[in-house]
Structure formats: structure tokens, C-alpha cells
Amino acid sequence: MLRPRNDVRQEIAPVRNLRRYGGSRLCDRETRTYFSAHDLERLVRKGVRISIREVETDRDVTDEIIRPNLQ
């Protein structure tokens, strides 16, 4: 016997795209706000998905930034 499919869908949070400038400043260009390490940690712990790219090289540095902040 087939069971009815549960149509409860979990929404995936949009990715917050941040840019890292010289001096390790993090900026959200959409909202034009800067983030401290504490702000970043709070967002990650809330479940917000984060992507961080360097301005000069466009290299993804998300893991380099987030992992040390959550230890």
C-alpha cells in the first residue's frame, strides 16, 4: 500500500552574499552594511546561509572566515 506523500516543504533560506575588502572588512552590498565577526557569528547560528568573496580576486573565502568565527 502506498502512503500519501507529505507535502510539507522546508524552505531554503536565501544566501547572504558578502564581500571582503582590505583589512578584512565584510560588507553586504545589497543592504550597504558592514559586518563584524560577532554579527557574522550571530547570522550563521540563526541558520542564515552566507557566501563571502574577496573583492580583489573574487575568490570564495567563506570557509576561511566562518570556521574560525564559530570555534
C-alpha atoms as a PDB file:
ATOM      1  CA  MET A   1       0.000   0.000   0.000  1.00  0.00           C
ATOM      2  CA  LEU A   2       1.339   3.404  -0.943  1.00  0.00           C
ATOM      3  CA  ARG A   3       1.409   6.087   1.703  1.00  0.00           C
ATOM      4  CA  PRO A   4       0.322   9.604   0.820  1.00  0.00           C
ATOM      5  CA  ARG A   5       3.245  11.892   0.249  1.00  0.00           C
ATOM      6  CA  ASN A   6       3.794  14.525   2.876  1.00  0.00           C
ATOM      7  CA  ASP A   7       3.822  17.852   1.033  1.00  0.00           C
ATOM      8  CA  VAL A   8       5.395  19.779   3.870  1.00  0.00           C
ATOM      9  CA  ARG A   9       8.293  21.526   2.210  1.00  0.00           C
ATOM     10  CA  GLN A  10      11.125  23.098   4.048  1.00  0.00           C
ATOM     11  CA  GLU A  11      12.035  26.465   2.596  1.00  0.00           C
ATOM     12  CA  ILE A  12      15.695  27.051   1.928  1.00  0.00           C
ATOM     13  CA  ALA A  13      16.954  30.379   3.167  1.00  0.00           C
ATOM     14  CA  PRO A  14      18.428  32.669   0.531  1.00  0.00           C
ATOM     15  CA  VAL A  15      22.182  33.129   0.532  1.00  0.00           C
ATOM     16  CA  ARG A  16      23.522  36.357   2.015  1.00  0.00           C
ATOM     17  CA  ASN A  17      26.312  37.450  -0.342  1.00  0.00           C
ATOM     18  CA  LEU A  18      29.055  39.373   1.426  1.00  0.00           C
ATOM     19  CA  ARG A  19      32.237  40.905   0.024  1.00  0.00           C
ATOM     20  CA  ARG A  20      35.536  41.050   1.901  1.00  0.00           C
ATOM     21  CA  TYR A  21      37.504  44.244   1.457  1.00  0.00           C
ATOM     22  CA  GLY A  22      41.024  45.097   2.602  1.00  0.00           C
ATOM     23  CA  GLY A  23      41.511  44.938   6.352  1.00  0.00           C
ATOM     24  CA  SER A  24      39.052  42.009   6.480  1.00  0.00           C
ATOM     25  CA  ARG A  25      36.017  44.289   6.339  1.00  0.00           C
ATOM     26  CA  LEU A  26      32.861  42.414   5.379  1.00  0.00           C
ATOM     27  CA  CYS A  27      30.129  44.263   3.520  1.00  0.00           C
ATOM     28  CA  ASP A  28      26.692  43.317   2.228  1.00  0.00           C
ATOM     29  CA  ARG A  29      26.385  45.350  -0.958  1.00  0.00           C
ATOM     30  CA  GLU A  30      22.611  44.924  -1.176  1.00  0.00           C
ATOM     31  CA  THR A  31      21.918  46.484   2.224  1.00  0.00           C
ATOM     32  CA  ARG A  32      25.116  48.576   2.264  1.00  0.00           C
ATOM     33  CA  THR A  33      26.019  47.438   5.760  1.00  0.00           C
ATOM     34  CA  TYR A  34      29.284  46.259   7.286  1.00  0.00           C
ATOM     35  CA  PHE A  35      29.513  43.151   9.460  1.00  0.00           C
ATOM     36  CA  SER A  36      31.691  42.436  12.457  1.00  0.00           C
ATOM     37  CA  ALA A  37      32.805  38.920  13.402  1.00  0.00           C
ATOM     38  CA  HIS A  38      30.104  38.956  16.089  1.00  0.00           C
ATOM     39  CA  ASP A  39      27.407  39.882  13.518  1.00  0.00           C
ATOM     40  CA  LEU A  40      28.574  37.111  11.229  1.00  0.00           C
ATOM     41  CA  GLU A  41      28.554  34.518  14.016  1.00  0.00           C
ATOM     42  CA  ARG A  42      25.032  35.521  15.033  1.00  0.00           C
ATOM     43  CA  LEU A  43      23.737  35.156  11.456  1.00  0.00           C
ATOM     44  CA  VAL A  44      25.343  31.738  10.994  1.00  0.00           C
ATOM     45  CA  ARG A  45      23.948  30.464  14.304  1.00  0.00           C
ATOM     46  CA  LYS A  46      20.469  31.635  13.200  1.00  0.00           C
ATOM     47  CA  GLY A  47      20.810  29.451  10.112  1.00  0.00           C
ATOM     48  CA  VAL A  48      21.408  32.198   7.547  1.00  0.00           C
ATOM     49  CA  ARG A  49      23.406  30.887   4.604  1.00  0.00           C
ATOM     50  CA  ILE A  50      26.480  33.031   3.926  1.00  0.00           C
ATOM     51  CA  SER A  51      28.778  33.394   0.924  1.00  0.00           C
ATOM     52  CA  ILE A  52      31.885  35.587   1.191  1.00  0.00           C
ATOM     53  CA  ARG A  53      34.027  36.612  -1.784  1.00  0.00           C
ATOM     54  CA  GLU A  54      37.176  38.727  -1.866  1.00  0.00           C
ATOM     55  CA  VAL A  55      36.779  41.955  -3.795  1.00  0.00           C
ATOM     56  CA  GLU A  56      40.266  41.970  -5.341  1.00  0.00           C
ATOM     57  CA  THR A  57      40.345  38.358  -6.591  1.00  0.00           C
ATOM     58  CA  ASP A  58      36.649  37.303  -6.496  1.00  0.00           C
ATOM     59  CA  ARG A  59      37.876  34.179  -4.653  1.00  0.00           C
ATOM     60  CA  ASP A  60      35.422  32.375  -2.354  1.00  0.00           C
ATOM     61  CA  VAL A  61      36.729  32.783   1.215  1.00  0.00           C
ATOM     62  CA  THR A  62      33.598  31.658   3.068  1.00  0.00           C
ATOM     63  CA  ASP A  63      35.213  28.709   4.882  1.00  0.00           C
ATOM     64  CA  GLU A  64      38.268  30.748   5.838  1.00  0.00           C
ATOM     65  CA  ILE A  65      36.084  33.360   7.524  1.00  0.00           C
ATOM     66  CA  ILE A  66      33.217  31.369   9.030  1.00  0.00           C
ATOM     67  CA  ARG A  67      35.054  28.394  10.535  1.00  0.00           C
ATOM     68  CA  PRO A  68      37.324  30.444  12.847  1.00  0.00           C
ATOM     69  CA  ASN A  69      34.359  32.555  13.989  1.00  0.00           C
ATOM     70  CA  LEU A  70      32.356  29.526  15.072  1.00  0.00           C
ATOM     71  CA  GLN A  71      35.064  27.781  17.097  1.00  0.00           C
END
